Protein backbone atom coordinates (compact mmCIF):
# COMPACT_ATOMS: atom_id res chain seq x y z
CA UNK A 1 -11.25 11.77 -11.39
CA UNK A 2 -12.44 12.61 -8.09
CA UNK A 3 -15.91 12.40 -7.23
CA UNK A 4 -16.92 15.30 -5.14
CA UNK A 5 -18.94 14.08 -2.17
CA UNK A 6 -21.19 17.30 -1.66
CA UNK A 7 -22.34 17.54 -5.05
CA UNK A 8 -23.45 13.78 -5.26
CA UNK A 9 -25.32 14.28 -2.11
CA UNK A 10 -27.13 17.56 -3.37
CA UNK A 11 -28.06 15.10 -6.67
CA UNK A 12 -29.28 12.36 -4.49
CA UNK A 13 -32.65 11.28 -2.73
CA UNK A 14 -33.53 9.73 0.68
CA UNK A 15 -36.15 7.42 0.25
CA UNK A 16 -35.63 4.33 2.54
CA UNK A 17 -35.23 3.26 5.82
CA UNK A 18 -33.35 0.46 7.56
CA UNK A 19 -35.52 -0.87 10.53
CA UNK A 20 -33.77 -3.32 13.12
CA UNK A 21 -35.13 -6.97 12.77
CA UNK A 22 -33.26 -9.03 14.97
CA UNK A 23 -29.82 -9.66 16.75
CA UNK A 24 -27.60 -12.49 17.78
CA UNK A 25 -23.97 -13.01 19.00
CA UNK A 26 -21.79 -13.58 22.01
CA UNK A 27 -18.70 -12.64 20.46
CA UNK A 28 -15.61 -11.38 22.38
CA UNK A 29 -14.25 -9.24 19.56
CA UNK A 30 -15.94 -9.44 16.14
CA UNK A 31 -14.10 -7.60 13.28
CA UNK A 32 -15.25 -8.85 10.12
CA UNK A 33 -18.09 -10.82 8.29
CA UNK A 34 -18.91 -12.11 4.91
CA UNK A 35 -21.20 -14.09 2.98
CA UNK A 36 -21.04 -17.05 0.58
CA UNK A 37 -23.70 -16.07 -1.80
CA UNK A 38 -25.88 -18.88 -0.66
CA UNK A 39 -27.36 -17.14 2.25
CA UNK A 40 -24.84 -18.00 4.95
CA UNK A 41 -23.01 -15.42 6.92
CA UNK A 42 -19.42 -15.94 8.47
CA UNK A 43 -18.33 -13.72 11.60
CA UNK A 44 -14.51 -13.43 12.25
CA UNK A 45 -13.66 -13.25 16.01
CA UNK A 46 -10.38 -11.90 16.59
CA UNK A 47 -9.96 -12.41 20.16
CA UNK A 48 -11.63 -15.91 20.44
CA UNK A 49 -9.43 -16.86 17.26
CA UNK A 50 -12.57 -18.36 15.36
CA UNK A 51 -14.95 -18.22 12.58
CA UNK A 52 -18.59 -18.60 13.21
CA UNK A 53 -20.96 -19.65 10.60
CA UNK A 54 -24.67 -18.37 10.71
CA UNK A 55 -27.91 -18.89 8.75
CA UNK A 56 -30.01 -15.91 7.35
CA UNK A 57 -31.90 -15.79 10.58
CA UNK A 58 -28.55 -15.47 12.77
CA UNK A 59 -28.72 -19.07 14.07
CA UNK A 60 -25.27 -20.38 14.79
CA UNK A 61 -24.49 -23.43 12.43
CA UNK A 62 -20.83 -24.00 13.38
CA UNK A 63 -17.68 -22.87 14.77
CA UNK A 64 -14.15 -23.11 13.90
CA UNK A 65 -10.74 -22.27 14.99
CA UNK A 66 -8.55 -21.33 17.95
CA UNK A 67 -5.27 -19.48 18.99
CA UNK A 68 -2.16 -21.14 17.46
CA UNK A 69 -0.12 -21.54 14.60
CA UNK A 70 -0.86 -24.86 13.16
CA UNK A 71 -3.50 -25.22 10.21
CA UNK A 72 -6.88 -23.81 10.82
CA UNK A 73 -5.61 -21.86 13.77
CA UNK A 74 -5.17 -17.98 14.05
CA UNK A 75 -3.39 -15.39 15.81
CA UNK A 76 -5.62 -12.21 16.12
CA UNK A 77 -6.88 -12.52 12.35
CA UNK A 78 -8.07 -9.12 11.03
CA UNK A 79 -10.71 -10.17 7.94
CA UNK A 80 -12.80 -12.83 6.27
CA UNK A 81 -13.79 -13.05 2.74
CA UNK A 82 -16.19 -15.31 1.02
CA UNK A 83 -16.31 -13.65 -2.49
CA UNK A 84 -15.42 -16.44 -4.61
CA UNK A 85 -18.73 -18.53 -3.40
CA UNK A 86 -16.68 -21.43 -3.21
CA UNK A 87 -14.11 -20.66 -0.22
CA UNK A 88 -13.70 -18.66 2.69
CA UNK A 89 -10.29 -16.82 3.15
CA UNK A 90 -9.02 -15.54 6.64
CA UNK A 91 -6.30 -12.80 6.96
CA UNK A 92 -4.18 -14.29 9.61
CA UNK A 93 -1.40 -11.36 9.54
CA UNK A 94 0.28 -11.97 12.84
CA UNK A 95 1.09 -15.68 11.34
CA UNK A 96 2.06 -13.76 8.01
CA UNK A 97 -0.55 -15.95 5.92
CA UNK A 98 -3.54 -16.08 4.13
CA UNK A 99 -5.61 -19.38 5.27
CA UNK A 100 -8.45 -20.92 3.09
CA UNK A 101 -11.34 -23.06 4.11
CA UNK A 102 -14.16 -24.63 2.38
CA UNK A 103 -17.90 -23.31 3.26
CA UNK A 104 -18.34 -26.12 5.80
CA UNK A 105 -14.91 -24.36 7.55
CA UNK A 106 -12.48 -27.49 6.89
CA UNK A 107 -9.21 -26.32 6.23
CA UNK A 108 -8.09 -26.12 2.52
CA UNK A 109 -4.77 -24.61 2.20
CA UNK A 110 -2.50 -21.53 3.13
CA UNK A 111 -1.03 -18.66 1.01
CA UNK A 112 2.44 -17.68 2.20
CA UNK A 113 4.84 -15.29 0.14
CA UNK A 114 8.09 -15.45 2.03
CA UNK A 115 9.92 -17.42 -0.96
CA UNK A 116 13.41 -16.21 -2.12
CA UNK A 117 11.73 -16.58 -5.79
CA UNK A 118 9.20 -13.80 -4.99
CA UNK A 119 10.05 -9.96 -5.89
CA UNK A 120 9.84 -7.90 -2.76
CA UNK A 121 7.07 -5.91 -3.90
CA UNK A 122 4.90 -8.83 -4.67
CA UNK A 123 5.10 -10.12 -1.09
CA UNK A 124 2.79 -9.54 1.63
CA UNK A 125 4.26 -9.13 5.15
CA UNK A 126 0.90 -8.74 7.18
CA UNK A 127 -2.23 -9.51 5.18
CA UNK A 128 -5.12 -7.48 6.39
CA UNK A 129 -7.95 -8.26 3.77
CA UNK A 130 -8.61 -10.00 0.64
CA UNK A 131 -10.94 -10.35 -2.14
CA UNK A 132 -11.45 -12.92 -4.87
CA UNK A 133 -11.87 -12.01 -8.63
CA UNK A 134 -11.27 -15.03 -11.09
CA UNK A 135 -8.44 -15.67 -11.43
CA UNK A 136 -6.87 -13.69 -9.01
CA UNK A 137 -7.04 -13.13 -5.27
CA UNK A 138 -6.25 -9.45 -4.14
CA UNK A 139 -4.42 -9.09 -0.76
CA UNK A 140 -3.85 -5.77 1.27
CA UNK A 141 -0.41 -5.66 2.26
CA UNK A 142 -0.81 -3.94 5.86
CA UNK A 143 2.86 -3.26 6.19
CA UNK A 144 3.42 -1.42 2.71
CA UNK A 145 -0.17 0.03 2.27
CA UNK A 146 -0.56 -1.67 -1.15
CA UNK A 147 -2.49 -4.34 -2.62
CA UNK A 148 -0.92 -7.75 -4.18
CA UNK A 149 -2.58 -10.09 -6.83
CA UNK A 150 -1.78 -13.57 -6.82
CA UNK A 151 -2.93 -16.50 -8.81
CA UNK A 152 -4.02 -19.37 -6.82
CA UNK A 153 -2.66 -22.85 -8.29
CA UNK A 154 -2.71 -25.32 -5.71
CA UNK A 155 -3.89 -25.42 -2.05
CA UNK A 156 -0.69 -24.03 -0.67
CA UNK A 157 0.72 -22.21 -3.91
CA UNK A 158 0.01 -18.52 -5.14
CA UNK A 159 1.94 -17.13 -7.89
CA UNK A 160 2.27 -13.08 -7.30
CA UNK A 161 1.18 -11.23 -10.51
CA UNK A 162 1.18 -7.69 -9.76
CA UNK A 163 0.63 -4.99 -7.02
CA UNK A 164 -0.90 -1.60 -6.91
CA UNK A 165 -1.95 1.44 -4.68
CA UNK A 166 1.34 1.68 -2.64
CA UNK A 167 3.46 4.85 -2.17
CA UNK A 168 5.08 4.69 -5.57
CA UNK A 169 1.70 5.05 -7.25
CA UNK A 170 0.97 7.54 -9.79
CA UNK A 171 -2.06 8.88 -8.17
CA UNK A 172 -2.98 9.26 -4.65
CA UNK A 173 -1.68 6.37 -2.73
CA UNK A 174 -3.26 4.40 0.03
CA UNK A 175 -2.35 5.42 3.59
CA UNK A 176 -4.42 2.95 5.66
CA UNK A 177 -6.01 0.25 3.42
CA UNK A 178 -8.46 -1.67 5.83
CA UNK A 179 -11.02 -3.52 3.68
CA UNK A 180 -11.12 -4.63 -0.01
CA UNK A 181 -14.29 -5.90 -1.82
CA UNK A 182 -15.61 -6.37 -5.44
CA UNK A 183 -18.65 -5.51 -7.59
CA UNK A 184 -20.18 -7.52 -10.24
CA UNK A 185 -18.20 -5.63 -13.21
CA UNK A 186 -15.01 -6.80 -11.32
CA UNK A 187 -14.11 -3.31 -10.07
CA UNK A 188 -12.27 -3.51 -6.69
CA UNK A 189 -13.16 -1.10 -3.83
CA UNK A 190 -10.66 -0.30 -1.00
CA UNK A 191 -11.38 1.34 2.17
CA UNK A 192 -9.00 3.82 3.40
CA UNK A 193 -10.28 4.65 6.88
CA UNK A 194 -7.13 7.49 7.60
CA UNK A 195 -8.22 9.31 4.41
CA UNK A 196 -12.01 8.81 4.66
CA UNK A 197 -12.07 7.44 1.30
CA UNK A 198 -12.68 4.38 -1.00
CA UNK A 199 -10.44 4.04 -4.00
CA UNK A 200 -11.84 2.17 -6.97
CA UNK A 201 -9.73 0.25 -9.41
CA UNK A 202 -10.12 -2.28 -12.13
CA UNK A 203 -9.30 -5.65 -11.86
CA UNK A 204 -5.75 -5.08 -13.25
CA UNK A 205 -5.05 -2.45 -10.74
CA UNK A 206 -5.63 0.37 -13.00
CA UNK A 207 -6.64 3.50 -10.86
CA UNK A 208 -10.09 4.69 -11.99
CA UNK A 209 -11.41 7.08 -9.15
CA UNK A 210 -11.67 7.98 -5.43
CA UNK A 211 -14.84 8.34 -3.29
CA UNK A 212 -14.30 10.83 -0.33
CA UNK A 213 -16.62 11.57 2.49
CA UNK A 214 -16.19 13.47 5.67
CA UNK A 215 -16.61 9.68 7.66
CA UNK A 216 -16.23 6.37 6.03
CA UNK A 217 -16.81 3.78 8.64
CA UNK A 218 -17.34 0.56 6.62
CA UNK A 219 -18.16 -0.46 2.85
CA UNK A 220 -20.31 -3.46 1.42
CA UNK A 221 -21.37 -4.35 -2.22
CA UNK A 222 -24.60 -5.98 -3.26
CA UNK A 223 -25.78 -6.16 -7.13
CA UNK A 224 -23.48 -3.61 -8.33
CA UNK A 225 -24.22 -1.14 -5.74
CA UNK A 226 -21.63 0.05 -3.34
CA UNK A 227 -22.89 1.09 0.25
CA UNK A 228 -20.88 3.43 2.24
CA UNK A 229 -21.46 3.69 6.07
CA UNK A 230 -21.26 7.52 6.67
CA UNK A 231 -22.75 8.56 10.30
CA UNK A 232 -26.32 7.23 10.74
CA UNK A 233 -26.83 6.56 7.02
CA UNK A 234 -25.87 4.47 4.13
CA UNK A 235 -24.66 6.37 0.96
CA UNK A 236 -25.58 4.41 -2.21
CA UNK A 237 -22.97 4.54 -5.09
CA UNK A 238 -23.99 2.92 -8.22
CA UNK A 239 -20.91 1.08 -10.26
CA UNK A 240 -22.22 1.80 -13.78
CA UNK A 241 -23.04 5.21 -13.36
CA UNK A 242 -20.07 6.17 -11.31
CA UNK A 243 -22.21 8.36 -9.02
CA UNK A 244 -24.18 8.51 -5.81
CA UNK A 245 -27.87 7.65 -6.36
CA UNK A 246 -29.39 7.90 -3.03
CA UNK A 247 -28.89 7.44 0.80
CA UNK A 248 -30.61 4.95 3.28
CA UNK A 249 -31.37 5.88 6.74
CA UNK A 250 -31.57 4.06 10.12
CA UNK A 251 -34.99 4.23 11.89
CA UNK A 252 -33.00 4.24 15.34
CA UNK A 253 -29.65 6.05 16.02
CA UNK A 254 -26.70 3.69 15.77
CA UNK A 255 -23.36 4.25 17.14
CA UNK A 256 -21.05 4.47 14.08
CA UNK A 257 -17.77 4.36 15.54
CA UNK A 258 -18.32 1.07 17.18
CA UNK A 259 -19.27 -0.60 14.11
CA UNK A 260 -16.84 -3.12 12.87
CA UNK A 261 -18.47 -4.09 9.46
CA UNK A 262 -21.63 -4.08 7.20
CA UNK A 263 -22.83 -6.63 4.95
CA UNK A 264 -25.79 -6.71 2.56
CA UNK A 265 -27.01 -10.01 2.27
CA UNK A 266 -29.84 -8.99 -0.35
CA UNK A 267 -31.88 -5.95 -1.42
CA UNK A 268 -33.85 -6.00 1.67
CA UNK A 269 -31.33 -7.46 4.58
CA UNK A 270 -28.61 -5.76 5.98
CA UNK A 271 -26.37 -6.55 8.77
CA UNK A 272 -24.29 -4.56 11.26
CA UNK A 273 -21.38 -5.98 13.19
CA UNK A 274 -20.30 -4.69 16.57
CA UNK A 275 -17.82 -6.16 18.75
CA UNK A 276 -20.20 -8.46 20.67
CA UNK A 277 -23.11 -8.88 18.27
CA UNK A 278 -24.55 -8.86 14.64
CA UNK A 279 -27.69 -7.06 14.11
CA UNK A 280 -30.26 -7.52 11.27
CA UNK A 281 -31.87 -4.75 9.36
CA UNK A 282 -34.66 -4.76 6.96
CA UNK A 283 -35.28 -2.26 4.23
CA UNK A 284 -38.48 -0.61 4.43
């Protein structure tokens, strides 16, 4: 089922405003951010090849990582994910791996898939983004524009289970998937920047729907609400209802094309990530 953007907007109401309340950062090229569900924020700086851990007031707590190929090192990583609440996963695509860290940024393990025993359709060549939905971790395979699910058994072992969303998909295939997230119902949302769309699947990889807009810059989830950055506003999509319920405007104009990622920490705190800084917004 295709959710018609225009119809949903006509049915929605704009009743909230985001006001900037702070900013921080000296990043060189921040590309992704996540939260651990405990109030801490983690920013991935691709050019610096490091993770920056911040508290809710944007005070830097710790930095970890450098350029390289050893454990805990990166080569222009693309995404960071703390959706498990226990670990941090970093998509280190140019090193053909997904690295796992604890919440204090200590190295835990690496997921690799170039094993002869793994079927070709269940390998990732260039992991771009990941999300954890117990017991699987879902990884965007950038070379094949699909999602592959793995069950993690040990620190460096993940058994491939299934894949979905690729060119052989019975529905509209993914063209340029860049970010994957989940809601509390274990639905999976995949941002496809080239198609200006968000694909919705269940946790078994079954297609549910596609949410389309004229321009989709980024997405985030909090409390079973999907937030879609579209120009100078956030569209609010309710997972249970399966439709838009409203939109949130920014008090000041933002340059959407410069935004790398968005994060909703709680019902009143929103964060916007740009190349060199992270900005905090409060919901009024």
